[in-house]
Amino acid sequence: MRQVMVLFGEAEKGAFEFPYILQQLPQVVDLLGNPPPESEGLFYAVQGILYNREIIFFRVPEEGFSKFDYVNGLKSLESQVKDKRVNAICMPGVGDPEILSATKLLCHKHNSFLISSQKDLYDFLTTF
């Protein structure tokens, strides 16, 4: 059984607040298109697939800034993807305490990791 990683990120195309289940590289291009400049979400999706992970990708308008889209994505995840065990959640660009607090509950429920970058961790630690 493949490990599952939930990912929030920007993409050229695709619907917002919809869980795209990605298992192969061609799906990334076909469903989500190219990454916008300076976004990291699709990069992490490709890396996850190369490491044989199943990716549940939620498209957001701007990485790290749309609280509404992140919270609704997490709610959608709980209601639409109940049969999968989430091993990791990746939210590039997110350092906002409110978004991370909502994510924390899901991480505890699934006993999963939160994948962050050094830059995002610094943003989180310096917001107080």
C-alpha atoms as a PDB file:
ATOM      1  CA  MET A   1       0.000   0.000   0.000  1.00  0.00           C
ATOM      2  CA  ARG A   2       1.404   3.375  -1.025  1.00  0.00           C
ATOM      3  CA  GLN A   3       1.971   6.109   1.506  1.00  0.00           C
ATOM      4  CA  VAL A   4      -0.244   9.160   1.052  1.00  0.00           C
ATOM      5  CA  MET A   5       0.932  12.767   1.113  1.00  0.00           C
ATOM      6  CA  VAL A   6      -1.496  15.695   1.090  1.00  0.00           C
ATOM      7  CA  LEU A   7      -0.144  18.756  -0.666  1.00  0.00           C
ATOM      8  CA  PHE A   8      -1.417  22.312  -0.997  1.00  0.00           C
ATOM      9  CA  GLY A   9       0.055  24.403  -3.781  1.00  0.00           C
ATOM     10  CA  GLU A  10      -0.361  26.699  -6.738  1.00  0.00           C
ATOM     11  CA  ALA A  11      -0.918  25.338 -10.211  1.00  0.00           C
ATOM     12  CA  GLU A  12      -1.624  26.639 -13.687  1.00  0.00           C
ATOM     13  CA  LYS A  13      -4.950  24.827 -14.018  1.00  0.00           C
ATOM     14  CA  GLY A  14      -7.432  22.749 -12.074  1.00  0.00           C
ATOM     15  CA  ALA A  15     -10.294  23.467  -9.692  1.00  0.00           C
ATOM     16  CA  PHE A  16      -9.857  24.971  -6.246  1.00  0.00           C
ATOM     17  CA  GLU A  17     -10.932  22.992  -3.141  1.00  0.00           C
ATOM     18  CA  PHE A  18     -10.884  19.727  -5.105  1.00  0.00           C
ATOM     19  CA  PRO A  19      -8.670  16.795  -4.090  1.00  0.00           C
ATOM     20  CA  TYR A  20      -6.653  15.645  -7.104  1.00  0.00           C
ATOM     21  CA  ILE A  21      -5.329  12.141  -6.511  1.00  0.00           C
ATOM     22  CA  LEU A  22      -2.023  11.789  -8.336  1.00  0.00           C
ATOM     23  CA  GLN A  23      -0.091   8.550  -8.734  1.00  0.00           C
ATOM     24  CA  GLN A  24       1.882   9.096 -11.941  1.00  0.00           C
ATOM     25  CA  LEU A  25       3.869  12.010 -13.350  1.00  0.00           C
ATOM     26  CA  PRO A  26       1.722  12.524 -16.484  1.00  0.00           C
ATOM     27  CA  GLN A  27      -1.270  13.207 -14.218  1.00  0.00           C
ATOM     28  CA  VAL A  28       0.506  16.214 -12.713  1.00  0.00           C
ATOM     29  CA  VAL A  29       0.915  17.890 -16.103  1.00  0.00           C
ATOM     30  CA  ASP A  30      -2.463  16.827 -17.472  1.00  0.00           C
ATOM     31  CA  LEU A  31      -4.530  17.883 -14.439  1.00  0.00           C
ATOM     32  CA  LEU A  32      -2.541  20.796 -12.982  1.00  0.00           C
ATOM     33  CA  GLY A  33      -0.318  22.145 -15.746  1.00  0.00           C
ATOM     34  CA  ASN A  34       2.893  24.044 -15.099  1.00  0.00           C
ATOM     35  CA  PRO A  35       3.936  25.634 -11.813  1.00  0.00           C
ATOM     36  CA  PRO A  36       3.633  29.412 -11.486  1.00  0.00           C
ATOM     37  CA  PRO A  37       6.895  31.294 -10.828  1.00  0.00           C
ATOM     38  CA  GLU A  38       8.296  30.837  -7.310  1.00  0.00           C
ATOM     39  CA  SER A  39       5.708  28.240  -6.281  1.00  0.00           C
ATOM     40  CA  GLU A  40       6.882  24.975  -4.739  1.00  0.00           C
ATOM     41  CA  GLY A  41       3.744  22.813  -4.596  1.00  0.00           C
ATOM     42  CA  LEU A  42       4.118  21.017  -7.911  1.00  0.00           C
ATOM     43  CA  PHE A  43       7.830  20.480  -7.238  1.00  0.00           C
ATOM     44  CA  TYR A  44       6.932  18.610  -4.038  1.00  0.00           C
ATOM     45  CA  ALA A  45       4.224  16.669  -5.919  1.00  0.00           C
ATOM     46  CA  VAL A  46       6.750  15.457  -8.493  1.00  0.00           C
ATOM     47  CA  GLN A  47       9.222  14.527  -5.745  1.00  0.00           C
ATOM     48  CA  GLY A  48       6.525  12.607  -3.871  1.00  0.00           C
ATOM     49  CA  ILE A  49       5.534  10.620  -6.953  1.00  0.00           C
ATOM     50  CA  LEU A  50       9.182   9.836  -7.701  1.00  0.00           C
ATOM     51  CA  TYR A  51       9.418   8.419  -4.162  1.00  0.00           C
ATOM     52  CA  ASN A  52       6.354   6.240  -4.883  1.00  0.00           C
ATOM     53  CA  ARG A  53       3.901   8.259  -2.789  1.00  0.00           C
ATOM     54  CA  GLU A  54       0.277   8.860  -3.653  1.00  0.00           C
ATOM     55  CA  ILE A  55      -0.377  12.609  -3.707  1.00  0.00           C
ATOM     56  CA  ILE A  56      -3.650  14.299  -2.801  1.00  0.00           C
ATOM     57  CA  PHE A  57      -3.184  17.780  -4.243  1.00  0.00           C
ATOM     58  CA  PHE A  58      -5.325  20.789  -3.348  1.00  0.00           C
ATOM     59  CA  ARG A  59      -4.870  23.794  -5.609  1.00  0.00           C
ATOM     60  CA  VAL A  60      -4.731  27.173  -3.836  1.00  0.00           C
ATOM     61  CA  PRO A  61      -4.679  30.636  -5.454  1.00  0.00           C
ATOM     62  CA  GLU A  62      -1.481  31.695  -3.692  1.00  0.00           C
ATOM     63  CA  GLU A  63       0.752  29.504  -1.560  1.00  0.00           C
ATOM     64  CA  GLY A  64       0.653  30.512   2.082  1.00  0.00           C
ATOM     65  CA  PHE A  65      -1.861  33.364   1.892  1.00  0.00           C
ATOM     66  CA  SER A  66      -5.422  32.127   1.376  1.00  0.00           C
ATOM     67  CA  LYS A  67      -6.577  30.924   4.800  1.00  0.00           C
ATOM     68  CA  PHE A  68     -10.034  30.231   3.425  1.00  0.00           C
ATOM     69  CA  ASP A  69      -8.721  27.837   0.763  1.00  0.00           C
ATOM     70  CA  TYR A  70      -6.441  25.976   3.174  1.00  0.00           C
ATOM     71  CA  VAL A  71      -9.127  25.514   5.836  1.00  0.00           C
ATOM     72  CA  ASN A  72     -11.712  24.444   3.256  1.00  0.00           C
ATOM     73  CA  GLY A  73      -9.187  22.039   1.739  1.00  0.00           C
ATOM     74  CA  LEU A  74      -8.610  20.454   5.140  1.00  0.00           C
ATOM     75  CA  LYS A  75     -12.377  20.137   5.695  1.00  0.00           C
ATOM     76  CA  SER A  76     -12.772  18.653   2.222  1.00  0.00           C
ATOM     77  CA  LEU A  77     -10.005  16.200   2.983  1.00  0.00           C
ATOM     78  CA  GLU A  78     -11.813  14.991   6.083  1.00  0.00           C
ATOM     79  CA  SER A  79     -15.136  14.523   4.301  1.00  0.00           C
ATOM     80  CA  GLN A  80     -14.056  13.230   0.872  1.00  0.00           C
ATOM     81  CA  VAL A  81     -10.976  11.124   1.570  1.00  0.00           C
ATOM     82  CA  LYS A  82     -11.988   9.163   4.654  1.00  0.00           C
ATOM     83  CA  ASP A  83     -10.693   5.781   3.511  1.00  0.00           C
ATOM     84  CA  LYS A  84      -7.034   6.832   3.221  1.00  0.00           C
ATOM     85  CA  ARG A  85      -4.439   7.171   5.937  1.00  0.00           C
ATOM     86  CA  VAL A  86      -2.549  10.420   5.483  1.00  0.00           C
ATOM     87  CA  ASN A  87       1.175   9.962   6.181  1.00  0.00           C
ATOM     88  CA  ALA A  88       2.278  13.557   5.600  1.00  0.00           C
ATOM     89  CA  ILE A  89       0.880  17.016   4.895  1.00  0.00           C
ATOM     90  CA  CYS A  90       2.949  19.490   2.901  1.00  0.00           C
ATOM     91  CA  MET A  91       2.057  23.186   2.740  1.00  0.00           C
ATOM     92  CA  PRO A  92       4.857  25.112   1.056  1.00  0.00           C
ATOM     93  CA  GLY A  93       4.813  28.831   1.810  1.00  0.00           C
ATOM     94  CA  VAL A  94       2.673  28.479   4.933  1.00  0.00           C
ATOM     95  CA  GLY A  95       3.915  30.064   8.126  1.00  0.00           C
ATOM     96  CA  ASP A  96       0.540  31.372   9.292  1.00  0.00           C
ATOM     97  CA  PRO A  97      -0.305  30.134  12.820  1.00  0.00           C
ATOM     98  CA  GLU A  98      -4.048  29.839  12.072  1.00  0.00           C
ATOM     99  CA  ILE A  99      -3.505  27.561   9.073  1.00  0.00           C
ATOM    100  CA  LEU A 100      -0.920  25.489  10.929  1.00  0.00           C
ATOM    101  CA  SER A 101      -3.210  25.167  13.953  1.00  0.00           C
ATOM    102  CA  ALA A 102      -5.976  23.712  11.771  1.00  0.00           C
ATOM    103  CA  THR A 103      -3.425  21.374  10.188  1.00  0.00           C
ATOM    104  CA  LYS A 104      -2.156  20.260  13.584  1.00  0.00           C
ATOM    105  CA  LEU A 105      -5.504  18.651  14.407  1.00  0.00           C
ATOM    106  CA  LEU A 106      -5.422  16.610  11.217  1.00  0.00           C
ATOM    107  CA  CYS A 107      -1.796  15.596  11.794  1.00  0.00           C
ATOM    108  CA  HIS A 108      -2.649  14.337  15.276  1.00  0.00           C
ATOM    109  CA  LYS A 109      -5.682  12.448  14.012  1.00  0.00           C
ATOM    110  CA  HIS A 110      -3.711  10.614  11.309  1.00  0.00           C
ATOM    111  CA  ASN A 111      -0.425  10.500  13.234  1.00  0.00           C
ATOM    112  CA  SER A 112       1.194  12.181  10.255  1.00  0.00           C
ATOM    113  CA  PHE A 113       4.078  14.556   9.597  1.00  0.00           C
ATOM    114  CA  LEU A 114       3.924  18.189   8.585  1.00  0.00           C
ATOM    115  CA  ILE A 115       6.492  18.877   5.883  1.00  0.00           C
ATOM    116  CA  SER A 116       7.872  22.396   5.989  1.00  0.00           C
ATOM    117  CA  SER A 117      10.813  24.307   4.643  1.00  0.00           C
ATOM    118  CA  GLN A 118      13.395  26.186   6.650  1.00  0.00           C
ATOM    119  CA  LYS A 119      11.988  29.479   5.366  1.00  0.00           C
ATOM    120  CA  ASP A 120       8.413  28.583   6.388  1.00  0.00           C
ATOM    121  CA  LEU A 121       9.494  27.474   9.841  1.00  0.00           C
ATOM    122  CA  TYR A 122      11.342  30.782  10.304  1.00  0.00           C
ATOM    123  CA  ASP A 123       8.204  32.709   9.249  1.00  0.00           C
ATOM    124  CA  PHE A 124       6.147  30.742  11.771  1.00  0.00           C
ATOM    125  CA  LEU A 125       8.596  31.261  14.615  1.00  0.00           C
ATOM    126  CA  THR A 126       8.901  34.996  14.013  1.00  0.00           C
ATOM    127  CA  THR A 127       5.157  35.754  13.840  1.00  0.00           C
ATOM    128  CA  PHE A 128       4.809  35.965  17.611  1.00  0.00           C
END
